[in-house]
N, C-alpha and C. Protein backbone atom coordinates (compact mmCIF):
# COMPACT_ATOMS: atom_id res chain seq x y z
N MET A 1 79.48 95.29 78.56
CA MET A 1 80.84 95.65 78.88
C MET A 1 80.94 97.12 79.29
N GLN A 2 80.22 97.97 78.56
CA GLN A 2 80.26 99.40 78.86
C GLN A 2 79.74 99.68 80.29
N MET A 3 78.71 98.96 80.72
CA MET A 3 78.16 99.15 82.06
C MET A 3 79.17 98.73 83.12
N VAL A 4 79.94 97.66 82.87
CA VAL A 4 80.95 97.22 83.81
C VAL A 4 82.04 98.28 83.95
N VAL A 5 82.49 98.82 82.83
CA VAL A 5 83.52 99.87 82.86
C VAL A 5 83.00 101.09 83.59
N MET A 6 81.77 101.49 83.31
CA MET A 6 81.19 102.64 83.99
C MET A 6 81.08 102.38 85.49
N GLY A 7 80.72 101.15 85.87
CA GLY A 7 80.62 100.80 87.29
C GLY A 7 81.96 100.87 87.98
N VAL A 8 82.99 100.37 87.33
CA VAL A 8 84.34 100.40 87.90
C VAL A 8 84.82 101.84 88.03
N VAL A 9 84.62 102.64 86.99
CA VAL A 9 85.02 104.06 87.04
C VAL A 9 84.25 104.78 88.13
N GLY A 10 82.95 104.53 88.21
CA GLY A 10 82.12 105.17 89.23
C GLY A 10 82.57 104.79 90.64
N ALA A 11 82.88 103.53 90.85
CA ALA A 11 83.36 103.09 92.17
C ALA A 11 84.68 103.74 92.50
N GLY A 12 85.56 103.87 91.51
CA GLY A 12 86.85 104.54 91.74
C GLY A 12 86.67 106.00 92.12
N LEU A 13 85.76 106.69 91.41
CA LEU A 13 85.49 108.08 91.74
C LEU A 13 84.88 108.22 93.12
N LEU A 14 84.00 107.30 93.49
CA LEU A 14 83.38 107.32 94.81
C LEU A 14 84.44 107.21 95.90
N LEU A 15 85.45 106.36 95.70
CA LEU A 15 86.50 106.19 96.70
C LEU A 15 87.36 107.45 96.85
N LEU A 16 87.38 108.31 95.84
CA LEU A 16 88.09 109.58 95.96
C LEU A 16 87.32 110.55 96.87
N VAL A 17 86.01 110.38 96.93
CA VAL A 17 85.15 111.29 97.69
C VAL A 17 84.75 110.70 99.03
N ALA A 18 84.58 109.39 99.09
CA ALA A 18 84.08 108.76 100.31
C ALA A 18 84.81 107.44 100.54
N SER A 19 84.85 107.03 101.80
CA SER A 19 85.44 105.73 102.12
C SER A 19 84.74 105.15 103.35
N PRO A 20 84.74 103.83 103.46
CA PRO A 20 84.13 103.20 104.63
C PRO A 20 85.06 103.31 105.84
N TYR A 21 84.47 103.34 107.01
CA TYR A 21 85.24 103.39 108.25
C TYR A 21 84.51 102.55 109.28
N ARG A 22 85.25 101.71 109.97
CA ARG A 22 84.64 100.87 111.01
C ARG A 22 85.04 101.42 112.38
N VAL A 23 84.06 101.71 113.21
CA VAL A 23 84.29 102.24 114.55
C VAL A 23 85.01 101.19 115.39
N SER A 24 86.04 101.65 116.09
CA SER A 24 86.79 100.76 116.98
C SER A 24 86.87 101.43 118.35
N GLY A 25 86.26 100.82 119.34
CA GLY A 25 86.29 101.38 120.69
C GLY A 25 84.99 102.05 121.07
N ASN A 26 84.98 102.62 122.27
CA ASN A 26 83.74 103.20 122.81
C ASN A 26 83.83 104.69 123.10
N SER A 27 84.80 105.39 122.52
CA SER A 27 84.98 106.81 122.84
C SER A 27 83.88 107.70 122.29
N MET A 28 83.05 107.18 121.36
CA MET A 28 81.98 108.01 120.79
C MET A 28 80.59 107.51 121.18
N GLU A 29 80.52 106.59 122.14
CA GLU A 29 79.21 106.14 122.62
C GLU A 29 78.54 107.28 123.38
N PRO A 30 77.24 107.40 123.35
CA PRO A 30 76.25 106.44 122.85
C PRO A 30 75.90 106.64 121.37
N ASN A 31 76.54 107.59 120.69
CA ASN A 31 76.16 107.90 119.31
C ASN A 31 76.72 106.94 118.27
N TYR A 32 77.91 106.43 118.49
CA TYR A 32 78.56 105.48 117.58
C TYR A 32 79.12 104.34 118.41
N HIS A 33 78.99 103.12 117.90
CA HIS A 33 79.33 101.94 118.69
C HIS A 33 80.44 101.12 118.02
N ASP A 34 81.21 100.44 118.85
CA ASP A 34 82.28 99.56 118.39
C ASP A 34 81.74 98.59 117.34
N GLY A 35 82.42 98.52 116.19
CA GLY A 35 82.02 97.63 115.12
C GLY A 35 81.09 98.24 114.09
N GLN A 36 80.52 99.39 114.37
CA GLN A 36 79.59 100.04 113.45
C GLN A 36 80.35 100.55 112.22
N TRP A 37 79.75 100.40 111.03
CA TRP A 37 80.33 100.90 109.79
C TRP A 37 79.76 102.27 109.46
N LEU A 38 80.64 103.19 109.02
CA LEU A 38 80.25 104.54 108.66
C LEU A 38 80.81 104.89 107.28
N VAL A 39 80.21 105.87 106.64
CA VAL A 39 80.76 106.42 105.39
C VAL A 39 81.40 107.76 105.73
N VAL A 40 82.65 107.92 105.30
CA VAL A 40 83.39 109.16 105.58
C VAL A 40 83.52 109.94 104.28
N ASN A 41 83.03 111.17 104.29
CA ASN A 41 83.08 112.07 103.14
C ASN A 41 84.40 112.84 103.21
N LYS A 42 85.27 112.61 102.25
CA LYS A 42 86.60 113.22 102.26
C LYS A 42 86.62 114.65 101.73
N LYS A 43 85.54 115.10 101.12
CA LYS A 43 85.53 116.41 100.46
C LYS A 43 84.61 117.43 101.11
N SER A 44 83.99 117.11 102.20
CA SER A 44 83.01 117.99 102.84
C SER A 44 83.67 119.13 103.59
N GLN A 45 83.01 120.26 103.64
CA GLN A 45 83.44 121.37 104.48
C GLN A 45 83.22 120.97 105.94
N LEU A 46 84.12 121.38 106.81
CA LEU A 46 84.04 121.01 108.22
C LEU A 46 83.54 122.17 109.06
N LYS A 47 82.75 121.83 110.10
CA LYS A 47 82.24 122.86 111.01
C LYS A 47 82.12 122.26 112.41
N VAL A 48 81.97 123.12 113.37
CA VAL A 48 81.79 122.69 114.75
C VAL A 48 80.56 121.78 114.83
N GLY A 49 80.71 120.67 115.54
CA GLY A 49 79.63 119.70 115.69
C GLY A 49 79.78 118.49 114.78
N ASP A 50 80.58 118.62 113.71
CA ASP A 50 80.79 117.49 112.81
C ASP A 50 81.57 116.39 113.50
N VAL A 51 81.28 115.15 113.14
CA VAL A 51 82.06 114.00 113.59
C VAL A 51 83.02 113.66 112.45
N VAL A 52 84.29 113.53 112.79
CA VAL A 52 85.33 113.33 111.77
C VAL A 52 86.21 112.14 112.11
N VAL A 53 86.84 111.60 111.08
CA VAL A 53 87.92 110.63 111.24
C VAL A 53 89.20 111.42 111.04
N LEU A 54 90.16 111.22 111.95
CA LEU A 54 91.43 111.93 111.85
C LEU A 54 92.58 110.97 112.07
N LYS A 55 93.72 111.33 111.54
CA LYS A 55 94.93 110.54 111.74
C LYS A 55 95.68 111.13 112.93
N TYR A 56 96.06 110.25 113.85
CA TYR A 56 96.87 110.64 115.01
C TYR A 56 97.92 109.56 115.18
N GLY A 57 99.15 109.88 114.85
CA GLY A 57 100.20 108.87 114.86
C GLY A 57 99.87 107.81 113.83
N ASN A 58 99.89 106.55 114.24
CA ASN A 58 99.54 105.47 113.31
C ASN A 58 98.09 105.01 113.48
N MET A 59 97.28 105.83 114.15
CA MET A 59 95.88 105.48 114.40
C MET A 59 94.94 106.39 113.62
N GLU A 60 93.75 105.90 113.37
CA GLU A 60 92.65 106.74 112.89
C GLU A 60 91.64 106.80 114.03
N LEU A 61 91.24 108.02 114.38
CA LEU A 61 90.33 108.24 115.50
C LEU A 61 89.04 108.87 115.01
N LEU A 62 87.94 108.55 115.66
CA LEU A 62 86.63 109.14 115.40
C LEU A 62 86.35 110.12 116.52
N LYS A 63 86.19 111.40 116.19
CA LYS A 63 85.97 112.44 117.20
C LYS A 63 85.01 113.50 116.67
N ARG A 64 84.49 114.32 117.59
CA ARG A 64 83.61 115.43 117.24
C ARG A 64 84.38 116.74 117.32
N ILE A 65 84.18 117.61 116.31
CA ILE A 65 84.80 118.93 116.35
C ILE A 65 84.05 119.77 117.37
N ILE A 66 84.77 120.25 118.37
CA ILE A 66 84.18 121.04 119.46
C ILE A 66 84.31 122.54 119.17
N ARG A 67 85.48 122.92 118.64
CA ARG A 67 85.69 124.33 118.31
C ARG A 67 86.87 124.46 117.35
N LEU A 68 86.90 125.62 116.70
CA LEU A 68 88.04 125.96 115.86
C LEU A 68 89.10 126.56 116.75
N GLU A 69 90.34 126.21 116.50
CA GLU A 69 91.42 126.74 117.33
C GLU A 69 92.60 127.07 116.43
N GLY A 70 92.75 128.36 116.15
CA GLY A 70 93.81 128.77 115.23
C GLY A 70 93.54 128.17 113.86
N ASP A 71 94.53 127.48 113.32
CA ASP A 71 94.38 126.82 112.02
C ASP A 71 93.94 125.37 112.16
N GLY A 72 93.54 124.96 113.35
CA GLY A 72 93.18 123.57 113.58
C GLY A 72 91.82 123.41 114.21
N PHE A 73 91.55 122.20 114.63
CA PHE A 73 90.27 121.83 115.23
C PHE A 73 90.50 121.20 116.59
N TRP A 74 89.70 121.61 117.56
CA TRP A 74 89.69 120.96 118.87
C TRP A 74 88.66 119.86 118.78
N VAL A 75 89.09 118.61 119.02
CA VAL A 75 88.20 117.46 118.87
C VAL A 75 88.12 116.69 120.18
N GLU A 76 86.94 116.15 120.46
CA GLU A 76 86.74 115.35 121.67
C GLU A 76 85.80 114.19 121.35
N GLY A 77 85.94 113.12 122.10
CA GLY A 77 85.01 112.00 122.01
C GLY A 77 83.74 112.32 122.76
N ASP A 78 82.63 111.74 122.34
CA ASP A 78 81.35 111.95 123.04
C ASP A 78 81.36 111.29 124.41
N ASN A 79 82.11 110.21 124.56
CA ASN A 79 82.21 109.47 125.82
C ASN A 79 83.54 109.88 126.47
N LYS A 80 83.54 111.04 127.08
CA LYS A 80 84.78 111.69 127.52
C LYS A 80 85.63 110.87 128.50
N ASP A 81 85.01 110.00 129.27
CA ASP A 81 85.77 109.18 130.21
C ASP A 81 86.63 108.13 129.51
N PHE A 82 86.32 107.84 128.24
CA PHE A 82 87.03 106.79 127.51
C PHE A 82 87.57 107.30 126.18
N SER A 83 88.00 108.58 126.14
CA SER A 83 88.42 109.16 124.88
C SER A 83 89.82 109.76 124.96
N THR A 84 90.65 109.41 123.98
CA THR A 84 91.92 110.09 123.76
C THR A 84 91.63 111.15 122.71
N ASP A 85 91.81 112.41 123.07
CA ASP A 85 91.40 113.48 122.17
C ASP A 85 92.22 114.74 122.42
N SER A 86 91.74 115.89 121.97
CA SER A 86 92.49 117.14 122.06
C SER A 86 92.83 117.54 123.49
N ARG A 87 92.11 117.00 124.45
CA ARG A 87 92.45 117.30 125.85
C ARG A 87 93.82 116.72 126.18
N GLU A 88 94.27 115.72 125.41
CA GLU A 88 95.59 115.12 125.60
C GLU A 88 96.61 115.58 124.57
N PHE A 89 96.19 115.70 123.30
CA PHE A 89 97.16 116.01 122.25
C PHE A 89 96.99 117.36 121.59
N GLY A 90 96.06 118.18 122.07
CA GLY A 90 95.90 119.53 121.54
C GLY A 90 95.09 119.57 120.25
N ALA A 91 95.07 120.74 119.65
CA ALA A 91 94.31 120.95 118.42
C ALA A 91 94.90 120.11 117.29
N VAL A 92 94.04 119.72 116.36
CA VAL A 92 94.42 118.88 115.23
C VAL A 92 94.48 119.75 113.98
N PRO A 93 95.58 119.70 113.23
CA PRO A 93 95.63 120.48 111.99
C PRO A 93 94.66 119.92 110.95
N LYS A 94 94.19 120.78 110.08
CA LYS A 94 93.23 120.37 109.05
C LYS A 94 93.76 119.19 108.23
N GLU A 95 95.06 119.15 108.00
CA GLU A 95 95.66 118.08 107.19
C GLU A 95 95.49 116.70 107.85
N ALA A 96 95.27 116.67 109.15
CA ALA A 96 95.11 115.39 109.86
C ALA A 96 93.70 114.83 109.72
N ILE A 97 92.75 115.64 109.25
CA ILE A 97 91.37 115.19 109.13
C ILE A 97 91.21 114.40 107.83
N VAL A 98 90.77 113.15 107.97
CA VAL A 98 90.51 112.29 106.81
C VAL A 98 89.22 112.72 106.14
N GLY A 99 88.20 112.96 106.95
CA GLY A 99 86.91 113.36 106.42
C GLY A 99 85.83 113.36 107.47
N LYS A 100 84.66 113.79 107.06
CA LYS A 100 83.50 113.94 107.93
C LYS A 100 82.59 112.73 107.77
N VAL A 101 82.00 112.29 108.86
CA VAL A 101 81.05 111.19 108.81
C VAL A 101 79.76 111.69 108.15
N GLY A 102 79.30 110.97 107.14
CA GLY A 102 78.07 111.31 106.44
C GLY A 102 78.29 112.35 105.36
N TRP A 103 77.18 112.90 104.89
CA TRP A 103 77.23 113.86 103.79
C TRP A 103 76.85 115.21 104.30
């Protein structure tokens, strides 16, 4: 019983730090593909080059941080011809970032 409780508590703590994310679309090809599952680290420090999940309206988008811009991040898809990103909506505030892909 104790192991089950510890497992449940551990899983709950893990969800506070990380969450699964399924790629939807081709804006990050060839590096990430439609349907691929990723782990998103919600507590990691962010830097240029990181791939992040961000909230934009009612969507979650997968993008790469290209540069810091004021108090926000300029993000773009790796597949620029098929990406809705900062070139359309501008810099993203830190609060919009869900987390970084990987650890």
